[in-house]
Amino acid sequence: MNAACKKSVLGFVAAVVIASSFVGSPVRADSSPKIGSGPSACLLAADADCDGVVLKGKLNFHGDASGVSLVRAKLNGANLSGANLAKADLPGARLKRANLHHANLTGANLSGDSLFGANVTYANLTNANLGNTYLDSANLLGATSTGTNFGGAHYSSTTCPNGQLVGVPWSTSTHC
C-alpha cells in the first residue's frame, strides 16, 4: 500500500472514530417512549395514565404497558407488535392501521375502538372486551379469542381468528 493510500485509510478510520463519539446509544424500541405533546403527553409504560393522548409521528413499542390507560387515545399507525397490553384500558381509542401482531391484550378493554385496517394477527385477546368495536378491514387471523366479547362489533371485510372473512357481500357470516 503506498503512502497516499495509507494516509487516506487512516483519515477515514479517524473520521469514523470521531463521528462515533457524537452518536448516542440507540433508542430501544421497547423503552418507554414519550407519546403526544403538551399537557396530554405521557410515557408509555405499565399502569401509565395516557388518556386522550394523540400520537404524532411514529411509535414502535414492544415492551410492557400492562394496565395502561389510553381512553380515547389516538394511536393511528402505531407499531405495538409483541407489546404487553394486558388489562389495558383503551375504550374509544383510535388504532387505525395499528400493528398489534402477537400483542398480549388479555383482559384489555377495547370497547368502541376503531381498529380499521389493524393487524391483530396472533394476538392474545383472551377475555378482552371488543364490544362495539369497529373492525373494518382488520385482520385477526390466529388470534386467541377465548372469552372475548365481540358483542355489537362492526365488521366489514374483517378476517376473524379462524380465517373466516365476515362483512363482505358474498359471506353469510355476520360476526366472528
Protein backbone atom coordinates (compact mmCIF):
# COMPACT_ATOMS: atom_id res chain seq x y z
CA MET A 1 0.00 0.00 0.00
CA ASN A 2 1.50 3.34 -0.97
CA ALA A 3 1.81 6.30 1.42
CA ALA A 4 -1.11 8.24 -0.11
CA CYS A 5 -3.42 5.24 0.22
CA LYS A 6 -2.34 4.63 3.85
CA LYS A 7 -2.96 8.29 4.65
CA SER A 8 -6.45 8.07 3.09
CA VAL A 9 -7.34 4.90 5.03
CA LEU A 10 -6.08 6.40 8.32
CA GLY A 11 -8.07 9.57 7.66
CA PHE A 12 -11.24 7.51 7.08
CA VAL A 13 -10.70 5.48 10.27
CA ALA A 14 -10.13 8.67 12.27
CA ALA A 15 -13.33 10.18 10.86
CA VAL A 16 -15.33 7.09 11.84
CA VAL A 17 -13.90 7.13 15.39
CA ILE A 18 -14.62 10.85 15.81
CA ALA A 19 -18.13 10.55 14.34
CA SER A 20 -18.97 7.62 16.60
CA SER A 21 -18.17 9.70 19.67
CA PHE A 22 -21.06 12.03 18.75
CA VAL A 23 -23.60 9.25 18.28
CA GLY A 24 -25.57 8.36 21.41
CA SER A 25 -26.88 4.98 22.37
CA PRO A 26 -29.60 3.77 20.04
CA VAL A 27 -33.13 4.17 21.35
CA ARG A 28 -34.55 0.77 22.13
CA ALA A 29 -37.93 0.06 20.61
CA ASP A 30 -39.16 -1.30 23.92
CA SER A 31 -38.04 1.62 26.11
CA SER A 32 -40.83 3.81 27.45
CA PRO A 33 -41.36 6.38 24.69
CA LYS A 34 -42.97 9.74 25.25
CA ILE A 35 -46.12 9.98 23.19
CA GLY A 36 -48.13 13.09 22.48
CA SER A 37 -47.21 16.64 23.34
CA GLY A 38 -48.31 19.31 25.74
CA PRO A 39 -50.42 18.52 28.80
CA SER A 40 -51.63 15.17 27.46
CA ALA A 41 -48.14 13.79 26.74
CA CYS A 42 -47.06 10.72 28.68
CA LEU A 43 -44.51 7.95 28.88
CA LEU A 44 -45.96 4.69 27.60
CA ALA A 45 -45.33 2.20 30.40
CA ALA A 46 -47.14 -0.22 32.69
CA ASP A 47 -50.02 1.39 34.62
CA ALA A 48 -49.42 4.81 33.00
CA ASP A 49 -52.31 7.26 32.52
CA CYS A 50 -52.21 8.26 28.86
CA ASP A 51 -55.88 9.14 28.41
CA GLY A 52 -56.59 11.28 25.34
CA VAL A 53 -53.02 11.23 24.07
CA VAL A 54 -52.58 11.90 20.34
CA LEU A 55 -49.69 10.16 18.62
CA LYS A 56 -47.61 12.49 16.48
CA GLY A 57 -45.19 10.71 14.18
CA LYS A 58 -44.24 7.06 14.58
CA LEU A 59 -44.41 4.76 17.56
CA ASN A 60 -42.52 1.46 17.80
CA PHE A 61 -43.19 -0.06 21.20
CA HIS A 62 -42.79 -3.72 22.03
CA GLY A 63 -42.40 -3.63 25.83
CA ASP A 64 -44.61 -3.79 28.91
CA ALA A 65 -47.54 -1.38 29.10
CA SER A 66 -49.85 -3.69 31.05
CA GLY A 67 -52.64 -1.84 32.81
CA VAL A 68 -52.02 1.37 30.83
CA SER A 69 -55.00 3.71 30.46
CA LEU A 70 -55.40 5.01 26.90
CA VAL A 71 -59.04 6.11 26.96
CA ARG A 72 -59.89 7.94 23.71
CA ALA A 73 -56.20 7.91 22.67
CA LYS A 74 -55.34 8.36 19.01
CA LEU A 75 -52.63 5.84 18.13
CA ASN A 76 -53.17 5.53 14.38
CA GLY A 77 -50.35 3.62 12.70
CA ALA A 78 -48.66 2.64 15.98
CA ASN A 79 -46.44 -0.44 15.90
CA LEU A 80 -47.26 -2.31 19.12
CA SER A 81 -46.34 -5.77 17.86
CA GLY A 82 -45.42 -8.05 20.73
CA ALA A 83 -46.29 -5.42 23.34
CA ASN A 84 -47.79 -6.47 26.67
CA LEU A 85 -51.07 -4.57 26.90
CA ALA A 86 -52.76 -6.99 29.30
CA LYS A 87 -55.61 -5.32 31.22
CA ALA A 88 -55.04 -2.08 29.29
CA ASP A 89 -57.98 0.32 29.26
CA LEU A 90 -58.49 1.63 25.71
CA PRO A 91 -62.22 2.38 25.27
CA GLY A 92 -62.87 4.75 22.39
CA ALA A 93 -59.24 4.60 21.21
CA ARG A 94 -58.33 5.04 17.55
CA LEU A 95 -55.90 2.38 16.33
CA LYS A 96 -56.34 2.79 12.58
CA ARG A 97 -53.78 0.63 10.73
CA ALA A 98 -52.03 -0.19 14.03
CA ASN A 99 -49.81 -3.26 14.24
CA LEU A 100 -50.82 -5.44 17.20
CA HIS A 101 -49.30 -8.65 15.82
CA HIS A 102 -48.53 -11.04 18.72
CA ALA A 103 -49.55 -8.37 21.26
CA ASN A 104 -50.82 -9.54 24.65
CA LEU A 105 -54.28 -7.97 25.07
CA THR A 106 -55.50 -10.40 27.74
CA GLY A 107 -58.36 -8.78 29.64
CA ALA A 108 -57.93 -5.47 27.76
CA ASN A 109 -60.90 -3.14 27.23
CA LEU A 110 -61.06 -2.15 23.56
CA SER A 111 -64.79 -1.34 23.54
CA GLY A 112 -65.84 1.21 20.97
CA ASP A 113 -62.37 1.35 19.44
CA SER A 114 -61.62 1.86 15.78
CA LEU A 115 -59.33 -0.88 14.54
CA PHE A 116 -59.76 -0.02 10.84
CA GLY A 117 -57.12 -1.93 8.88
CA ALA A 118 -55.35 -3.06 12.07
CA ASN A 119 -53.10 -6.11 12.12
CA VAL A 120 -54.16 -8.12 15.19
CA THR A 121 -52.81 -11.44 13.90
CA TYR A 122 -51.80 -13.98 16.53
CA ALA A 123 -52.55 -11.53 19.35
CA ASN A 124 -53.81 -12.84 22.68
CA LEU A 125 -57.36 -11.48 23.08
CA THR A 126 -58.34 -13.85 25.91
CA ASN A 127 -61.18 -12.27 27.94
CA ALA A 128 -60.74 -8.96 26.09
CA ASN A 129 -63.71 -6.66 25.52
CA LEU A 130 -64.15 -5.75 21.84
CA GLY A 131 -67.82 -4.88 22.23
CA ASN A 132 -68.99 -2.21 19.76
CA THR A 133 -65.52 -2.10 18.22
CA TYR A 134 -65.10 -1.13 14.56
CA LEU A 135 -63.16 -3.95 12.91
CA ASP A 136 -63.36 -2.76 9.30
CA SER A 137 -60.63 -4.46 7.22
CA ALA A 138 -58.95 -5.68 10.43
CA ASN A 139 -57.01 -8.94 10.38
CA LEU A 140 -57.40 -11.12 13.49
CA LEU A 141 -56.12 -14.34 11.91
CA GLY A 142 -54.74 -16.75 14.51
CA ALA A 143 -55.62 -14.52 17.46
CA THR A 144 -56.55 -16.31 20.69
CA SER A 145 -60.10 -15.22 21.43
CA THR A 146 -61.25 -17.44 24.31
CA GLY A 147 -63.81 -15.49 26.33
CA THR A 148 -63.51 -12.42 24.09
CA ASN A 149 -66.59 -10.19 23.90
CA PHE A 150 -67.33 -9.29 20.27
CA GLY A 151 -70.91 -8.16 21.07
CA GLY A 152 -72.05 -5.31 18.86
CA ALA A 153 -68.77 -5.22 16.93
CA HIS A 154 -68.92 -3.76 13.42
CA TYR A 155 -67.48 -5.88 10.60
CA SER A 156 -66.54 -5.02 7.06
CA SER A 157 -64.05 -7.26 5.26
CA THR A 158 -62.77 -8.49 8.62
CA THR A 159 -60.63 -11.62 8.90
CA CYS A 160 -61.61 -13.49 12.08
CA PRO A 161 -59.22 -15.56 14.24
CA ASN A 162 -60.31 -18.75 12.44
CA GLY A 163 -59.60 -17.22 9.00
CA GLN A 164 -63.29 -16.63 8.22
CA LEU A 165 -63.96 -13.41 6.32
CA VAL A 166 -67.03 -11.52 7.55
CA GLY A 167 -68.79 -8.36 6.50
CA VAL A 168 -68.47 -8.96 2.75
CA PRO A 169 -71.40 -9.20 0.34
CA TRP A 170 -70.82 -12.85 -0.60
CA SER A 171 -70.46 -14.06 3.01
CA THR A 172 -73.36 -15.20 5.15
CA SER A 173 -71.36 -14.64 8.34
CA THR A 174 -72.12 -11.56 10.36
CA HIS A 175 -69.71 -11.98 13.26
CA CYS A 176 -66.52 -13.75 14.39
